[in-house]
C-alpha atoms as a PDB file:
ATOM      1  CA  MET A   1     171.967-150.980 -37.431  1.00  0.00           C
ATOM      2  CA  ASP A   2     169.994-150.209 -34.596  1.00  0.00           C
ATOM      3  CA  VAL A   3     166.707-151.695 -33.401  1.00  0.00           C
ATOM      4  CA  LYS A   4     164.883-149.767 -30.418  1.00  0.00           C
ATOM      5  CA  PHE A   5     161.112-150.160 -29.290  1.00  0.00           C
ATOM      6  CA  SER A   6     159.882-148.569 -26.504  1.00  0.00           C
ATOM      7  CA  SER A   7     156.381-150.125 -25.710  1.00  0.00           C
ATOM      8  CA  ARG A   8     154.011-152.782 -27.202  1.00  0.00           C
ATOM      9  CA  LEU A   9     155.968-155.261 -29.143  1.00  0.00           C
ATOM     10  CA  GLU A  10     155.930-158.398 -27.499  1.00  0.00           C
ATOM     11  CA  THR A  11     157.361-161.151 -29.748  1.00  0.00           C
ATOM     12  CA  ILE A  12     160.165-161.320 -32.213  1.00  0.00           C
ATOM     13  CA  GLU A  13     159.188-164.128 -34.777  1.00  0.00           C
ATOM     14  CA  THR A  14     161.017-167.101 -35.973  1.00  0.00           C
ATOM     15  CA  TRP A  15     163.703-165.964 -38.431  1.00  0.00           C
ATOM     16  CA  ALA A  16     162.860-162.370 -38.214  1.00  0.00           C
ATOM     17  CA  PHE A  17     166.456-161.134 -38.337  1.00  0.00           C
ATOM     18  CA  ASP A  18     167.928-163.800 -39.835  1.00  0.00           C
ATOM     19  CA  GLU A  19     171.455-162.827 -41.413  1.00  0.00           C
ATOM     20  CA  CYS A  20     170.737-159.102 -41.039  1.00  0.00           C
ATOM     21  CA  GLU A  21     174.675-158.605 -41.045  1.00  0.00           C
ATOM     22  CA  ASP A  22     174.517-154.844 -40.479  1.00  0.00           C
ATOM     23  CA  LEU A  23     172.587-155.223 -36.932  1.00  0.00           C
ATOM     24  CA  LYS A  24     174.892-153.998 -33.960  1.00  0.00           C
ATOM     25  CA  TYR A  25     172.542-152.765 -31.278  1.00  0.00           C
ATOM     26  CA  LEU A  26     169.133-154.257 -29.852  1.00  0.00           C
ATOM     27  CA  LYS A  27     166.801-152.825 -27.271  1.00  0.00           C
ATOM     28  CA  ILE A  28     163.513-153.713 -26.717  1.00  0.00           C
ATOM     29  CA  PRO A  29     162.495-153.576 -23.227  1.00  0.00           C
ATOM     30  CA  SER A  30     158.825-154.597 -23.749  1.00  0.00           C
ATOM     31  CA  LEU A  31     159.387-158.003 -25.355  1.00  0.00           C
ATOM     32  CA  LEU A  32     158.281-161.194 -24.029  1.00  0.00           C
ATOM     33  CA  ARG A  33     159.160-163.746 -26.488  1.00  0.00           C
ATOM     34  CA  VAL A  34     162.348-164.361 -28.729  1.00  0.00           C
ATOM     35  CA  LYS A  35     161.533-167.200 -30.988  1.00  0.00           C
ATOM     36  CA  PHE A  36     163.415-169.726 -32.624  1.00  0.00           C
ATOM     37  CA  GLY A  37     166.391-168.239 -34.808  1.00  0.00           C
ATOM     38  CA  ALA A  38     165.373-164.662 -34.481  1.00  0.00           C
ATOM     39  CA  PHE A  39     168.782-163.305 -34.880  1.00  0.00           C
ATOM     40  CA  PHE A  40     170.252-166.069 -36.355  1.00  0.00           C
ATOM     41  CA  SER A  41     173.854-164.975 -38.025  1.00  0.00           C
ATOM     42  CA  CYS A  42     173.430-161.524 -37.116  1.00  0.00           C
ATOM     43  CA  LYS A  43     177.190-161.445 -37.347  1.00  0.00           C
ATOM     44  CA  THR A  44     177.854-157.598 -36.241  1.00  0.00           C
ATOM     45  CA  LEU A  45     175.302-157.592 -33.340  1.00  0.00           C
ATOM     46  CA  ALA A  46     177.304-156.411 -30.439  1.00  0.00           C
ATOM     47  CA  GLU A  47     174.543-155.779 -27.770  1.00  0.00           C
ATOM     48  CA  ALA A  48     171.026-157.015 -27.088  1.00  0.00           C
ATOM     49  CA  GLU A  49     169.131-155.412 -24.076  1.00  0.00           C
ATOM     50  CA  PHE A  50     165.569-156.734 -22.880  1.00  0.00           C
ATOM     51  CA  GLY A  51     163.171-155.951 -20.262  1.00  0.00           C
ATOM     52  CA  GLU A  52     162.141-157.482 -16.955  1.00  0.00           C
ATOM     53  CA  GLY A  53     159.133-158.883 -18.745  1.00  0.00           C
ATOM     54  CA  LEU A  54     161.043-161.187 -21.327  1.00  0.00           C
ATOM     55  CA  GLU A  55     159.751-164.707 -20.724  1.00  0.00           C
ATOM     56  CA  THR A  56     161.332-166.913 -23.457  1.00  0.00           C
ATOM     57  CA  ILE A  57     164.717-166.927 -25.744  1.00  0.00           C
ATOM     58  CA  GLU A  58     164.001-169.927 -27.883  1.00  0.00           C
ATOM     59  CA  GLU A  59     166.682-172.260 -29.190  1.00  0.00           C
ATOM     60  CA  GLY A  60     169.032-170.881 -31.919  1.00  0.00           C
ATOM     61  CA  ALA A  61     167.684-167.171 -31.136  1.00  0.00           C
ATOM     62  CA  PHE A  62     171.238-165.591 -31.430  1.00  0.00           C
ATOM     63  CA  GLN A  63     173.224-168.580 -32.970  1.00  0.00           C
ATOM     64  CA  TYR A  64     176.422-167.317 -35.119  1.00  0.00           C
ATOM     65  CA  CYS A  65     176.237-163.897 -33.453  1.00  0.00           C
ATOM     66  CA  HIS A  66     179.883-163.642 -33.658  1.00  0.00           C
ATOM     67  CA  SER A  67     180.323-160.081 -32.436  1.00  0.00           C
ATOM     68  CA  LEU A  68     177.708-160.535 -29.449  1.00  0.00           C
ATOM     69  CA  ARG A  69     179.603-159.505 -26.456  1.00  0.00           C
ATOM     70  CA  ARG A  70     176.992-158.393 -23.850  1.00  0.00           C
ATOM     71  CA  ILE A  71     173.420-159.117 -23.417  1.00  0.00           C
ATOM     72  CA  ALA A  72     170.699-157.925 -20.537  1.00  0.00           C
ATOM     73  CA  ILE A  73     168.081-160.112 -19.548  1.00  0.00           C
ATOM     74  CA  PRO A  74     165.843-160.574 -16.326  1.00  0.00           C
ATOM     75  CA  LEU A  75     166.036-163.590 -13.812  1.00  0.00           C
ATOM     76  CA  LYS A  76     163.303-166.244 -15.161  1.00  0.00           C
ATOM     77  CA  TYR A  77     163.176-169.852 -14.461  1.00  0.00           C
ATOM     78  CA  ASP A  78     163.206-171.568 -17.840  1.00  0.00           C
ATOM     79  CA  LEU A  79     164.080-168.573 -19.781  1.00  0.00           C
ATOM     80  CA  PHE A  80     165.734-170.721 -22.268  1.00  0.00           C
ATOM     81  CA  THR A  81     164.400-173.519 -24.120  1.00  0.00           C
ATOM     82  CA  LEU A  82     165.789-176.770 -25.095  1.00  0.00           C
ATOM     83  CA  ASN A  83     166.501-177.977 -28.733  1.00  0.00           C
ATOM     84  CA  SER A  84     165.579-181.111 -30.288  1.00  0.00           C
ATOM     85  CA  ASN A  85     168.988-182.532 -29.013  1.00  0.00           C
ATOM     86  CA  GLU A  86     168.095-181.553 -25.238  1.00  0.00           C
ATOM     87  CA  ARG A  87     170.629-178.792 -25.245  1.00  0.00           C
ATOM     88  CA  TYR A  88     170.506-175.169 -24.569  1.00  0.00           C
ATOM     89  CA  ASP A  89     171.961-173.733 -27.966  1.00  0.00           C
ATOM     90  CA  GLN A  90     170.843-169.810 -27.800  1.00  0.00           C
ATOM     91  CA  PHE A  91     174.507-168.459 -27.966  1.00  0.00           C
ATOM     92  CA  ASP A  92     176.341-171.147 -29.970  1.00  0.00           C
ATOM     93  CA  ASP A  93     179.179-169.464 -31.968  1.00  0.00           C
ATOM     94  CA  CYS A  94     178.920-166.561 -29.974  1.00  0.00           C
ATOM     95  CA  PHE A  95     182.477-166.524 -29.605  1.00  0.00           C
ATOM     96  CA  LYS A  96     183.005-162.902 -27.732  1.00  0.00           C
ATOM     97  CA  LEU A  97     179.999-163.260 -25.520  1.00  0.00           C
ATOM     98  CA  ALA A  98     181.291-162.474 -21.826  1.00  0.00           C
ATOM     99  CA  THR A  99     178.988-159.998 -20.141  1.00  0.00           C
ATOM    100  CA  VAL A 100     175.501-161.024 -18.822  1.00  0.00           C
ATOM    101  CA  GLU A 101     173.526-157.997 -16.883  1.00  0.00           C
ATOM    102  CA  LEU A 102     170.431-158.467 -15.006  1.00  0.00           C
ATOM    103  CA  VAL A 103     167.458-156.110 -15.402  1.00  0.00           C
ATOM    104  CA  GLY A 104     164.765-155.906 -12.996  1.00  0.00           C
ATOM    105  CA  SER A 105     164.239-155.260  -9.097  1.00  0.00           C
ATOM    106  CA  ILE A 106     167.016-157.755  -8.259  1.00  0.00           C
ATOM    107  CA  HIS A 107     169.645-155.322  -7.120  1.00  0.00           C
ATOM    108  CA  LYS A 108     167.083-153.004  -5.268  1.00  0.00           C
ATOM    109  CA  THR A 109     166.087-156.356  -3.326  1.00  0.00           C
ATOM    110  CA  ILE A 110     169.784-157.014  -2.322  1.00  0.00           C
ATOM    111  CA  SER A 111     170.179-153.793  -1.309  1.00  0.00           C
ATOM    112  CA  PHE A 112     167.307-154.102   1.356  1.00  0.00           C
ATOM    113  CA  LEU A 113     168.675-157.559   2.591  1.00  0.00           C
ATOM    114  CA  SER A 114     169.266-157.335   6.639  1.00  0.00           C
ATOM    115  CA  LEU A 115     172.926-158.580   6.841  1.00  0.00           C
ATOM    116  CA  GLN A 116     175.957-157.143   4.997  1.00  0.00           C
ATOM    117  CA  ASN A 117     177.273-160.912   4.336  1.00  0.00           C
ATOM    118  CA  TRP A 118     174.165-161.751   2.552  1.00  0.00           C
ATOM    119  CA  ARG A 119     174.157-158.798   0.270  1.00  0.00           C
ATOM    120  CA  ASN A 120     177.995-159.673  -0.303  1.00  0.00           C
ATOM    121  CA  GLU A 121     177.240-163.289  -1.252  1.00  0.00           C
ATOM    122  CA  MET A 122     174.432-162.174  -3.678  1.00  0.00           C
ATOM    123  CA  ASN A 123     176.508-159.882  -5.603  1.00  0.00           C
ATOM    124  CA  GLN A 124     179.483-162.479  -5.794  1.00  0.00           C
ATOM    125  CA  GLU A 125     177.099-164.803  -7.128  1.00  0.00           C
ATOM    126  CA  ILE A 126     175.473-162.396  -9.824  1.00  0.00           C
ATOM    127  CA  SER A 127     179.124-161.278 -10.930  1.00  0.00           C
ATOM    128  CA  ARG A 128     180.483-165.049 -11.179  1.00  0.00           C
ATOM    129  CA  ILE A 129     178.891-165.634 -14.498  1.00  0.00           C
ATOM    130  CA  ASN A 130     180.880-162.842 -16.108  1.00  0.00           C
ATOM    131  CA  GLU A 131     184.074-164.508 -14.533  1.00  0.00           C
ATOM    132  CA  VAL A 132     183.024-168.138 -16.021  1.00  0.00           C
ATOM    133  CA  LEU A 133     181.694-167.020 -19.603  1.00  0.00           C
ATOM    134  CA  PRO A 134     184.927-165.882 -21.312  1.00  0.00           C
ATOM    135  CA  ASN A 135     186.363-169.574 -20.459  1.00  0.00           C
ATOM    136  CA  LEU A 136     183.688-171.724 -21.806  1.00  0.00           C
ATOM    137  CA  SER A 137     183.279-173.045 -25.251  1.00  0.00           C
ATOM    138  CA  THR A 138     180.151-171.502 -27.183  1.00  0.00           C
ATOM    139  CA  PHE A 139     178.196-174.462 -26.847  1.00  0.00           C
ATOM    140  CA  GLU A 140     178.541-174.261 -23.056  1.00  0.00           C
ATOM    141  CA  LYS A 141     177.266-170.599 -22.600  1.00  0.00           C
ATOM    142  CA  ALA A 142     173.577-170.945 -22.693  1.00  0.00           C
ATOM    143  CA  GLY A 143     173.364-174.001 -20.467  1.00  0.00           C
ATOM    144  CA  GLU A 144     175.708-172.068 -18.043  1.00  0.00           C
ATOM    145  CA  MET A 145     173.467-168.846 -18.149  1.00  0.00           C
ATOM    146  CA  ARG A 146     170.586-171.161 -17.348  1.00  0.00           C
ATOM    147  CA  ASP A 147     172.020-172.933 -14.221  1.00  0.00           C
ATOM    148  CA  TRP A 148     173.374-169.464 -13.028  1.00  0.00           C
ATOM    149  CA  ILE A 149     169.801-167.888 -13.233  1.00  0.00           C
ATOM    150  CA  ARG A 150     168.493-170.811 -11.240  1.00  0.00           C
ATOM    151  CA  ARG A 151     171.395-170.769  -8.642  1.00  0.00           C
ATOM    152  CA  VAL A 152     171.022-166.862  -8.240  1.00  0.00           C
ATOM    153  CA  LEU A 153     166.913-167.374  -7.794  1.00  0.00           C
ATOM    154  CA  ARG A 154     167.375-170.166  -5.385  1.00  0.00           C
ATOM    155  CA  ARG A 155     169.932-168.190  -3.262  1.00  0.00           C
ATOM    156  CA  ILE A 156     167.785-164.849  -3.137  1.00  0.00           C
ATOM    157  CA  GLU A 157     164.783-166.773  -2.224  1.00  0.00           C
ATOM    158  CA  HIS A 158     166.500-168.278   0.771  1.00  0.00           C
ATOM    159  CA  TYR A 159     167.752-164.927   1.890  1.00  0.00           C
ATOM    160  CA  LYS A 160     164.291-163.537   1.626  1.00  0.00           C
ATOM    161  CA  ALA A 161     162.811-166.078   3.720  1.00  0.00           C
ATOM    162  CA  GLU A 162     165.812-165.414   6.193  1.00  0.00           C
ATOM    163  CA  HIS A 163     165.065-161.746   6.120  1.00  0.00           C
ATOM    164  CA  SER A 164     161.345-162.150   6.773  1.00  0.00           C
ATOM    165  CA  ASN A 165     162.068-164.427   9.784  1.00  0.00           C
ATOM    166  CA  LEU A 166     164.553-161.492  11.016  1.00  0.00           C
ATOM    167  CA  LEU A 167     161.953-159.024  10.861  1.00  0.00           C
ATOM    168  CA  LYS A 168     159.261-160.967  12.410  1.00  0.00           C
ATOM    169  CA  GLU A 169     161.748-161.504  15.363  1.00  0.00           C
ATOM    170  CA  ALA A 170     162.133-157.846  15.329  1.00  0.00           C
ATOM    171  CA  MET A 171     158.651-156.846  15.455  1.00  0.00           C
ATOM    172  CA  VAL A 172     158.024-158.966  18.505  1.00  0.00           C
ATOM    173  CA  LEU A 173     160.777-157.454  20.540  1.00  0.00           C
ATOM    174  CA  LEU A 174     159.578-154.156  19.267  1.00  0.00           C
ATOM    175  CA  GLU A 175     156.254-155.076  20.685  1.00  0.00           C
ATOM    176  CA  LEU A 176     157.344-156.092  23.796  1.00  0.00           C
ATOM    177  CA  ALA A 177     159.847-153.308  24.480  1.00  0.00           C
ATOM    178  CA  VAL A 178     157.022-150.674  23.849  1.00  0.00           C
ATOM    179  CA  TRP A 179     154.534-152.605  26.194  1.00  0.00           C
ATOM    180  CA  LYS A 180     157.451-152.891  28.826  1.00  0.00           C
ATOM    181  CA  ALA A 181     157.779-149.173  28.541  1.00  0.00           C
ATOM    182  CA  LYS A 182     153.695-148.608  28.748  1.00  0.00           C
ATOM    183  CA  LEU A 183     153.569-150.949  31.843  1.00  0.00           C
ATOM    184  CA  ARG A 184     156.736-149.063  33.538  1.00  0.00           C
ATOM    185  CA  GLN A 185     155.015-145.663  32.800  1.00  0.00           C
ATOM    186  CA  ASN A 186     151.816-146.715  34.489  1.00  0.00           C
ATOM    187  CA  GLU A 187     153.332-148.197  37.372  1.00  0.00           C
ATOM    188  CA  GLU A 188     155.258-144.916  37.851  1.00  0.00           C
ATOM    189  CA  GLU A 189     151.845-143.110  37.508  1.00  0.00           C
ATOM    190  CA  LYS A 190     150.361-145.543  40.165  1.00  0.00           C
ATOM    191  CA  HIS A 191     152.891-145.039  42.607  1.00  0.00           C
ATOM    192  CA  SER A 192     152.661-141.234  42.072  1.00  0.00           C
ATOM    193  CA  VAL A 193     148.889-141.114  42.867  1.00  0.00           C
ATOM    194  CA  LEU A 194     149.175-143.319  45.876  1.00  0.00           C
ATOM    195  CA  ASP A 195     151.992-141.299  47.255  1.00  0.00           C
ATOM    196  CA  SER A 196     149.707-138.338  47.017  1.00  0.00           C
ATOM    197  CA  ASN A 197     146.752-140.103  48.669  1.00  0.00           C
ATOM    198  CA  LYS A 198     144.855-139.139  45.784  1.00  0.00           C
ATOM    199  CA  ALA A 199     143.722-142.746  44.864  1.00  0.00           C
ATOM    200  CA  LYS A 200     141.555-145.600  46.088  1.00  0.00           C
ATOM    201  CA  LYS A 201     142.811-149.079  46.437  1.00  0.00           C
ATOM    202  CA  ILE A 202     141.585-151.246  43.524  1.00  0.00           C
ATOM    203  CA  LYS A 203     142.054-154.965  43.115  1.00  0.00           C
ATOM    204  CA  LEU A 204     143.199-155.738  39.695  1.00  0.00           C
ATOM    205  CA  ASP A 205     143.430-158.882  37.911  1.00  0.00           C
ATOM    206  CA  LEU A 206     146.909-158.835  36.587  1.00  0.00           C
ATOM    207  CA  GLU A 207     146.671-160.758  33.452  1.00  0.00           C
ATOM    208  CA  SER A 208     143.675-158.560  32.316  1.00  0.00           C
ATOM    209  CA  ALA A 209     145.762-155.447  33.169  1.00  0.00           C
ATOM    210  CA  ARG A 210     148.723-156.680  30.939  1.00  0.00           C
ATOM    211  CA  HIS A 211     146.525-157.490  28.130  1.00  0.00           C
ATOM    212  CA  GLY A 212     144.732-154.203  28.302  1.00  0.00           C
ATOM    213  CA  HIS A 213     148.274-152.463  28.593  1.00  0.00           C
ATOM    214  CA  ARG A 214     149.410-154.664  25.494  1.00  0.00           C
ATOM    215  CA  VAL A 215     146.421-153.340  23.510  1.00  0.00           C
ATOM    216  CA  THR A 216     146.858-149.997  24.538  1.00  0.00           C
ATOM    217  CA  CYS A 217     150.480-149.425  24.116  1.00  0.00           C
ATOM    218  CA  GLY A 218     150.815-148.273  20.787  1.00  0.00           C
ATOM    219  CA  ALA A 219     152.661-151.212  19.287  1.00  0.00           C
ATOM    220  CA  ASP A 220     150.300-151.872  16.852  1.00  0.00           C
ATOM    221  CA  ILE A 221     150.478-148.267  15.612  1.00  0.00           C
ATOM    222  CA  ILE A 222     154.399-148.527  15.246  1.00  0.00           C
ATOM    223  CA  ILE A 223     154.736-151.536  13.754  1.00  0.00           C
ATOM    224  CA  LYS A 224     152.111-150.539  11.096  1.00  0.00           C
ATOM    225  CA  ASN A 225     154.222-147.601   9.961  1.00  0.00           C
ATOM    226  CA  VAL A 226     157.590-149.205  10.631  1.00  0.00           C
ATOM    227  CA  LEU A 227     157.049-152.433   8.782  1.00  0.00           C
ATOM    228  CA  PRO A 228     156.696-151.257   5.360  1.00  0.00           C
ATOM    229  CA  PHE A 229     159.996-149.606   5.419  1.00  0.00           C
ATOM    230  CA  LEU A 230     161.840-152.824   6.501  1.00  0.00           C
ATOM    231  CA  GLU A 231     160.084-155.372   3.734  1.00  0.00           C
ATOM    232  CA  LEU A 232     161.526-156.286   0.716  1.00  0.00           C
ATOM    233  CA  PRO A 233     160.702-154.705  -2.441  1.00  0.00           C
ATOM    234  CA  LYS A 234     158.522-157.024  -4.843  1.00  0.00           C
ATOM    235  CA  GLY A 235     159.801-157.059  -8.739  1.00  0.00           C
ATOM    236  CA  ASP A 236     160.458-159.852 -11.210  1.00  0.00           C
ATOM    237  CA  ASP A 237     162.655-161.876  -8.904  1.00  0.00           C
ATOM    238  CA  ASP A 238     159.509-162.707  -7.061  1.00  0.00           C
ATOM    239  CA  SER A 239     158.443-164.852  -9.780  1.00  0.00           C
END
């Protein structure tokens, strides 16, 4: 009734659980490949959960799983393969399939995005599949899931690039702010020394002085320690 593997199992071969009518729950986080017809006509299978390493669900893998209502998969381009008729038929006759959940680091990545409206748009895009699936025919479900995955990946890649651009701008502003503070501090110290008649007049080259202040202002130290906390986490959505 339940199939669970915690590690090592990488492939469910062709027709492995064909017409296993008592199977209800499937959880294999280590799996890389679900081959052709692997769970064909498992009519009581209700939930299937995979890990972020899953690479392929081949054609007909869950055909005629009439009770399948939930599946958990990672975000991967070309997760589903086409059948001989150039169609995605992984969930044909899965009448109850209405919930897709994403595994991996995508939700953590979204939480690190710079702007709230970016996070909102990503979460809306992710949840949209569960609004659409119940209204589709079973012959459209796999194709719609495949298109949805590609839309989510393209959008998160766009926002990650925008996040990186904002981060670079912020680092430049931070460096300039620290540099300016250092220059102001040096000017104040210089005036203090001159006022007390403890310093000699020295002709300085302005550009070389500014370069020296930039190097010694400490911005590189601050950026080195701040930047890792602002960068996006890496995970399966980077693939």
